[in-house]
Protein backbone atom coordinates (compact mmCIF):
# COMPACT_ATOMS: atom_id res chain seq x y z
CA MET A 1 72.70 -67.06 186.45
CA SER A 2 74.65 -64.34 184.69
CA ALA A 3 72.57 -62.48 182.10
CA ASP A 4 74.96 -63.27 179.28
CA LEU A 5 75.09 -67.03 179.93
CA PRO A 6 72.85 -69.34 177.88
CA THR A 7 70.72 -72.09 179.36
CA LEU A 8 71.76 -75.74 179.28
CA GLU A 9 69.02 -76.33 176.70
CA ALA A 10 70.47 -73.61 174.46
CA LEU A 11 73.93 -75.14 174.77
CA GLU A 12 72.62 -78.55 173.75
CA LYS A 13 70.93 -77.03 170.68
CA LEU A 14 74.32 -75.68 169.57
CA GLY A 15 75.91 -79.10 169.51
CA PRO A 16 79.11 -80.24 171.28
CA THR A 17 81.67 -78.51 169.02
CA LYS A 18 80.10 -75.05 169.06
CA ALA A 19 79.38 -75.23 172.78
CA ALA A 20 82.97 -76.30 173.49
CA ALA A 21 84.24 -73.30 171.51
CA PHE A 22 81.99 -71.03 173.57
CA TRP A 23 83.27 -72.42 176.87
CA LEU A 24 86.90 -72.21 175.74
CA GLU A 25 86.57 -68.48 175.13
CA ARG A 26 84.22 -67.85 178.07
CA LEU A 27 86.35 -69.49 180.76
CA ASP A 28 89.52 -67.84 179.46
CA ARG A 29 87.87 -64.40 179.37
CA VAL A 30 85.60 -64.35 182.44
CA GLU A 31 86.29 -65.42 186.00
CA ASP A 32 82.83 -65.94 187.49
CA ASP A 33 81.80 -68.54 190.05
CA GLU A 34 78.36 -68.67 188.42
CA ASP A 35 79.92 -70.24 185.33
CA SER A 36 81.17 -73.38 187.09
CA PRO A 37 77.86 -75.20 187.82
CA LEU A 38 76.55 -74.68 184.27
CA PHE A 39 79.85 -75.71 182.70
CA HIS A 40 79.96 -78.88 184.85
CA ARG A 41 76.36 -79.75 183.95
CA TRP A 42 77.08 -79.30 180.24
CA LEU A 43 80.37 -81.22 180.42
CA THR A 44 78.83 -84.23 182.19
CA ALA A 45 75.61 -84.26 180.16
CA SER A 46 77.08 -86.54 177.48
CA GLU A 47 80.23 -88.27 176.31
CA GLU A 48 80.04 -86.17 173.13
CA ASN A 49 80.32 -82.96 175.17
CA ARG A 50 83.33 -84.26 177.07
CA ALA A 51 85.01 -85.41 173.85
CA ALA A 52 84.39 -82.01 172.20
CA TRP A 53 85.88 -80.24 175.22
CA ASP A 54 88.94 -82.50 175.18
CA ASP A 55 89.39 -81.79 171.45
CA ALA A 56 89.14 -78.04 172.04
CA LEU A 57 91.78 -78.22 174.78
CA ASP A 58 94.02 -80.34 172.56
CA VAL A 59 93.88 -77.70 169.83
CA TRP A 60 94.58 -74.95 172.37
CA ASP A 61 97.38 -76.71 174.24
CA SER A 62 99.18 -79.08 171.92
CA PHE A 63 99.44 -77.00 168.72
CA ASP A 64 100.25 -80.04 166.57
CA GLU A 65 101.32 -78.27 163.37
CA ALA A 66 100.60 -81.31 161.25
CA ASP A 67 96.91 -81.33 162.12
CA MET A 68 96.17 -77.82 163.34
CA ASP A 69 95.11 -76.19 160.11
CA GLY A 70 92.48 -78.82 159.37
CA GLU A 71 91.11 -78.94 162.89
CA LEU A 72 90.89 -75.20 163.31
CA GLU A 73 89.46 -74.65 159.88
CA ALA A 74 86.71 -77.16 160.61
CA MET A 75 85.95 -75.47 163.94
CA ARG A 76 86.00 -72.04 162.30
CA ARG A 77 83.55 -73.14 159.61
CA GLU A 78 81.27 -74.59 162.28
CA ALA A 79 81.21 -71.39 164.29
CA LEU A 80 80.95 -68.97 161.39
CA SER A 81 78.02 -70.90 159.93
CA PHE A 82 76.19 -70.60 163.25
CA ARG A 83 72.99 -68.54 162.95
CA PRO A 84 71.30 -68.61 166.37
CA ARG A 85 67.57 -68.31 166.64
CA GLY A 86 65.97 -67.39 169.90
CA LEU A 87 69.28 -66.59 171.59
CA SER A 88 70.38 -63.19 172.84
CA ALA A 89 72.79 -61.04 170.85
CA PRO A 90 75.58 -61.18 173.47
CA TRP A 91 75.47 -65.01 173.46
CA PHE A 92 75.82 -65.01 169.66
CA ARG A 93 78.69 -62.55 169.86
CA TYR A 94 80.63 -64.70 172.31
CA ALA A 95 80.12 -67.87 170.24
CA ALA A 96 81.53 -66.15 167.17
CA ALA A 97 84.32 -64.46 169.08
CA SER A 98 85.48 -67.75 170.57
CA LEU A 99 86.54 -69.08 167.21
CA ALA A 100 88.37 -65.85 166.49
CA VAL A 101 90.37 -66.43 169.68
CA ILE A 102 91.20 -70.01 168.66
CA ALA A 103 92.10 -68.99 165.12
CA SER A 104 94.27 -66.13 166.32
CA THR A 105 96.19 -68.43 168.65
CA ALA A 106 96.87 -70.93 165.88
CA LEU A 107 97.97 -68.20 163.52
CA LEU A 108 100.35 -66.83 166.14
CA TRP A 109 101.97 -70.25 166.38
CA HIS A 110 102.55 -70.38 162.64
CA MET A 111 103.85 -66.80 162.69
CA GLY A 112 106.41 -67.81 165.29
CA THR A 113 105.32 -65.85 168.35
CA PHE A 114 105.30 -68.87 170.64
CA ASP A 115 108.62 -70.33 169.58
CA GLY A 116 110.66 -67.13 169.80
CA ARG A 117 110.92 -66.35 166.08
CA GLU A 118 109.99 -62.99 164.63
CA PRO A 119 106.29 -62.92 163.65
CA VAL A 120 107.30 -61.28 160.38
CA PRO A 121 110.82 -61.78 159.02
CA TYR A 122 112.88 -58.80 160.14
CA VAL A 123 114.79 -57.07 157.38
CA ALA A 124 118.21 -56.16 158.77
CA ARG A 125 119.48 -52.64 158.26
CA ALA A 126 122.68 -50.82 159.14
CA GLU A 127 121.79 -49.67 162.64
CA ARG A 128 124.10 -47.18 164.31
CA ALA A 129 126.62 -48.58 166.75
CA ASP A 130 126.48 -45.29 168.68
CA LEU A 131 123.78 -45.63 171.34
CA TYR A 132 125.14 -42.81 173.50
CA SER A 133 123.51 -39.80 171.85
CA PHE A 134 120.27 -38.85 170.15
CA GLY A 135 120.07 -38.58 166.37
CA LEU A 136 118.48 -40.96 163.89
CA PRO A 137 116.31 -43.80 165.26
CA ASP A 138 118.39 -46.70 166.50
CA TYR A 139 115.73 -49.40 166.12
CA THR A 140 112.67 -49.50 163.87
CA THR A 141 109.95 -51.87 162.69
CA ALA A 142 108.03 -51.79 159.42
CA VAL A 143 104.25 -52.11 159.08
CA GLY A 144 103.21 -55.51 160.40
CA GLN A 145 106.51 -56.23 162.15
CA ARG A 146 107.12 -56.75 165.86
CA ARG A 147 110.54 -56.98 167.46
CA THR A 148 112.04 -57.42 170.94
CA ILE A 149 115.44 -55.85 171.69
CA GLY A 150 117.71 -56.57 174.65
CA LEU A 151 119.41 -53.38 175.83
CA SER A 152 122.91 -53.22 177.27
CA ASP A 153 121.70 -52.74 180.88
CA GLY A 154 119.53 -55.86 180.84
CA SER A 155 116.29 -54.00 180.07
CA ARG A 156 114.13 -55.14 177.15
CA VAL A 157 111.89 -53.24 174.75
CA THR A 158 109.32 -54.69 172.36
CA LEU A 159 108.44 -52.57 169.34
CA ASP A 160 104.99 -52.71 167.76
CA THR A 161 104.18 -52.17 164.09
CA ASP A 162 105.69 -49.08 162.39
CA THR A 163 107.61 -48.00 165.51
CA ALA A 164 110.94 -46.21 165.97
CA ILE A 165 113.03 -45.47 169.06
CA ASP A 166 116.19 -43.41 169.59
CA ILE A 167 118.48 -44.37 172.48
CA ALA A 168 121.01 -42.32 174.46
CA TYR A 169 122.60 -44.36 177.26
CA LEU A 170 124.80 -42.11 179.42
CA PRO A 171 126.87 -42.93 182.52
CA ASP A 172 124.30 -41.38 184.87
CA LYS A 173 121.03 -41.85 182.98
CA ARG A 174 119.23 -44.01 180.39
CA LEU A 175 117.22 -41.98 177.86
CA ILE A 176 114.91 -43.09 175.06
CA ARG A 177 112.76 -41.19 172.58
CA LEU A 178 109.70 -42.97 171.20
CA VAL A 179 109.78 -41.33 167.77
CA ARG A 180 106.59 -43.03 166.58
CA GLY A 181 104.42 -46.03 167.27
CA GLN A 182 104.12 -48.16 170.41
CA ALA A 183 106.63 -49.91 172.64
CA PHE A 184 106.58 -52.05 175.77
CA PHE A 185 109.45 -51.60 178.23
CA ALA A 186 110.69 -54.06 180.87
CA VAL A 187 113.27 -52.01 182.76
CA ARG A 188 116.14 -53.40 184.83
CA HIS A 189 116.31 -51.60 188.17
CA ASP A 190 119.30 -49.27 188.62
CA ALA A 191 118.83 -46.53 191.22
CA THR A 192 121.98 -44.75 190.06
CA ARG A 193 120.82 -44.42 186.42
CA PRO A 194 117.24 -43.14 185.98
CA PHE A 195 115.39 -44.58 182.97
CA ARG A 196 113.27 -42.03 181.05
CA VAL A 197 111.18 -42.30 177.89
CA ALA A 198 110.08 -39.22 175.95
CA ALA A 199 106.88 -39.65 173.91
CA GLY A 200 105.09 -36.70 172.35
CA GLU A 201 104.92 -34.00 175.00
CA ARG A 202 105.32 -36.36 177.98
CA ILE A 203 108.27 -37.97 179.76
CA VAL A 204 107.94 -41.28 181.64
CA SER A 205 110.47 -41.66 184.49
CA VAL A 206 111.11 -45.06 186.11
CA LEU A 207 113.68 -46.99 188.13
CA GLY A 208 112.57 -50.57 187.52
CA THR A 209 109.19 -51.56 186.12
CA SER A 210 107.27 -52.65 183.02
CA PHE A 211 105.03 -50.31 181.10
CA ASN A 212 103.61 -49.57 177.65
CA VAL A 213 103.86 -46.26 175.77
CA ARG A 214 102.01 -45.30 172.60
CA VAL A 215 102.40 -42.00 170.78
CA SER A 216 100.40 -40.48 167.93
CA PRO A 217 100.01 -36.92 166.61
CA GLU A 218 96.90 -36.51 168.78
CA GLU A 219 97.85 -38.13 172.08
CA THR A 220 100.29 -40.07 174.24
CA ARG A 221 99.19 -43.13 176.26
CA VAL A 222 101.12 -44.71 179.13
CA VAL A 223 99.99 -48.01 180.71
CA LEU A 224 101.75 -49.24 183.85
CA VAL A 225 101.84 -53.03 184.28
CA GLU A 226 103.99 -53.28 187.40
CA GLY A 227 106.26 -51.08 189.47
CA ALA A 228 105.87 -47.30 189.53
CA VAL A 229 106.33 -44.47 187.05
CA ALA A 230 106.03 -40.69 187.06
CA VAL A 231 104.75 -38.91 183.95
CA SER A 232 105.69 -35.26 183.45
CA LYS A 233 105.36 -32.69 180.69
CA GLY A 234 108.20 -31.95 178.32
CA SER A 235 110.08 -33.39 175.36
CA ASP A 236 113.65 -33.58 176.68
CA PRO A 237 114.06 -36.76 178.78
CA ALA A 238 117.28 -35.40 180.28
CA GLN A 239 115.32 -32.58 181.93
CA PRO A 240 111.79 -33.65 182.89
CA ASP A 241 109.32 -31.12 184.28
CA ALA A 242 109.18 -30.89 188.08
CA VAL A 243 105.39 -31.38 188.07
CA PHE A 244 104.35 -34.96 187.40
CA GLU A 245 101.64 -37.61 187.82
CA HIS A 246 102.24 -40.93 189.56
CA LEU A 247 100.72 -44.11 188.12
CA SER A 248 99.89 -47.29 190.00
CA PRO A 249 99.97 -50.74 188.39
CA GLY A 250 96.95 -51.23 186.15
CA GLN A 251 96.46 -47.52 185.47
CA GLU A 252 96.63 -45.68 182.14
CA LEU A 253 97.45 -42.02 181.55
CA ILE A 254 96.11 -40.33 178.41
CA ALA A 255 97.63 -37.00 177.42
CA HIS A 256 95.93 -35.03 174.64
CA LEU A 257 97.61 -32.06 173.04
CA GLY A 258 96.58 -28.86 174.80
CA ASP A 259 94.45 -30.67 177.39
CA ASP A 260 94.78 -31.97 180.95
CA ASP A 261 96.01 -35.50 181.52
CA HIS A 262 93.47 -38.19 182.40
CA ILE A 263 94.20 -41.28 184.49
CA HIS A 264 91.91 -44.31 184.66
CA ASN A 265 92.04 -48.07 185.12
CA ALA A 266 93.42 -49.84 182.06
CA ASP A 267 92.25 -53.04 180.39
CA LEU A 268 95.61 -54.79 180.30
CA GLY A 269 94.27 -57.76 178.34
CA SER A 270 93.07 -55.75 175.36
CA GLY A 271 95.67 -53.00 175.58
CA LEU A 272 98.72 -55.26 175.55
CA GLY A 273 97.58 -58.10 173.31
CA TRP A 274 99.63 -56.68 170.43
CA ARG A 275 102.76 -58.16 172.05
CA GLU A 276 101.34 -61.64 171.34
CA GLY A 277 100.17 -60.71 167.85
CA PHE A 278 96.47 -60.08 168.36
CA LEU A 279 94.10 -57.21 169.11
CA GLN A 280 91.22 -57.70 171.53
CA PHE A 281 87.97 -55.74 171.47
CA ASP A 282 84.93 -55.74 173.72
CA GLY A 283 81.94 -53.94 172.24
CA ASP A 284 84.09 -51.43 170.35
CA PRO A 285 82.69 -49.64 167.27
CA LEU A 286 83.81 -51.10 163.96
CA GLY A 287 85.30 -47.75 162.94
CA LYS A 288 87.73 -47.92 165.87
CA VAL A 289 88.47 -51.60 165.25
CA VAL A 290 89.32 -50.93 161.59
CA ALA A 291 91.61 -48.04 162.53
CA GLU A 292 93.56 -50.35 164.85
CA LEU A 293 93.77 -53.22 162.37
CA ASN A 294 94.93 -50.86 159.62
CA ARG A 295 98.08 -50.10 161.61
CA TYR A 296 99.33 -53.63 160.98
CA THR A 297 98.84 -54.16 157.25
CA PRO A 298 99.49 -52.30 153.98
CA GLN A 299 96.05 -53.40 152.74
CA LYS A 300 93.77 -50.89 154.42
CA LEU A 301 90.10 -51.26 155.29
CA LEU A 302 87.72 -48.33 154.81
CA VAL A 303 84.42 -47.55 156.56
CA ARG A 304 82.38 -44.54 155.42
CA ASP A 305 78.83 -45.55 156.33
CA PRO A 306 78.08 -44.32 159.90
CA TRP A 307 75.76 -47.28 160.48
CA VAL A 308 78.52 -49.72 159.60
CA ALA A 309 81.12 -47.75 161.60
CA ASP A 310 78.95 -48.02 164.73
CA LEU A 311 78.58 -51.82 164.66
CA ARG A 312 79.88 -53.23 167.94
CA ILE A 313 82.69 -55.75 167.70
CA SER A 314 83.94 -58.21 170.32
CA GLY A 315 86.65 -60.81 170.01
CA ALA A 316 90.36 -61.27 169.48
CA PHE A 317 91.78 -60.91 165.98
CA PRO A 318 95.29 -61.60 164.67
CA THR A 319 97.23 -58.55 163.57
CA GLY A 320 98.00 -58.35 159.86
CA ASP A 321 95.32 -60.83 158.72
CA THR A 322 92.70 -58.71 156.96
CA ASP A 323 91.14 -61.68 155.15
CA ARG A 324 90.40 -63.56 158.36
CA PHE A 325 88.82 -60.49 159.94
CA ILE A 326 86.64 -59.86 156.88
CA GLN A 327 85.45 -63.48 156.85
CA THR A 328 84.52 -63.37 160.53
CA LEU A 329 82.82 -59.99 160.19
CA GLY A 330 80.76 -61.09 157.19
CA ALA A 331 79.57 -64.18 159.03
CA ILE A 332 78.21 -62.13 161.94
CA TYR A 333 76.91 -58.90 160.40
CA PRO A 334 75.01 -57.99 157.22
CA VAL A 335 78.05 -56.39 155.60
CA ARG A 336 80.27 -57.10 152.63
CA VAL A 337 83.53 -55.77 151.21
CA ILE A 338 84.09 -54.04 147.88
CA PRO A 339 87.21 -52.48 146.30
CA ALA A 340 87.46 -48.71 146.83
CA ALA A 341 88.87 -46.17 144.40
CA GLY A 342 91.99 -45.56 146.48
CA GLY A 343 92.92 -49.23 146.66
CA GLU A 344 91.31 -49.87 150.05
CA LEU A 345 88.70 -52.49 150.82
CA GLU A 346 85.47 -50.77 151.86
CA ILE A 347 83.08 -52.39 154.29
CA ILE A 348 79.48 -51.64 153.28
CA ARG A 349 75.99 -52.88 154.15
CA LYS A 350 74.49 -55.82 152.35
CA ARG A 351 71.51 -54.56 150.42
């Protein structure tokens, strides 16, 4: 049996609802043949277990808006009140994280991600009609907004929070500058018109593919989902450097200022979850988690205590919902939140 799986006895001690929440998250997150026998034994152990599993699937699949808030809130309270005794820390972490996954999915429904609406109402602005030359950004999002744009060639780009792009579509090439933030590109193949994205000090060149680019003052990150791209140095997408790196699907390139590029296998699930309105973490330090969550909301979280900053966090959390994150965090760890002098909410230890 996998080291992070509980025993059947431990599952029964949790009760049907909490165990069903665990399995919902576990089976969605991990593909492991060792899970199947234990899950089947738990599912067939009692009618209560089967009913709890059916209820969990109903919440996940049907999204009945009339009843969802009450059902999910009850499940959330059940999980967040869970204080395991005699169970391993990873097992506790997964049980708590499962309800974060369920809650994030329900919140995404209400925000409109699953029915095609903007997750945050988009405030229209006078965007330039001229998409044939570089200048001011052509499309932007504010903090907490996410937006998908269909381009004239059939390509699509999804902008993350606080993101801006500048477009120059020419007869023989398609050029984009990622001015700030993060964007996901699904590019329509056109061998006669290369598609290039400039981000920081790197240029991504493609013909037809889907990939993610994130730029910050410190680094540029490129994640290839499918197809093929070449990443070269430079800032002018019309004239990329002749020396470049090729990426294969599932790889990520990280370019730090003044340093060599690094290529490694990417975690596509956690790295691209922002497109669906949630951020996923697996054992990441709280300091890093807070920095990511702060990108999506004007109400910032603050962590100054190194012990608190090093707490390891796993789970999926909706973007822009600081209150929900704080509630989940406080139920798992001995921390609390206090107002800080600069208007932030500081996470500190419980004394």
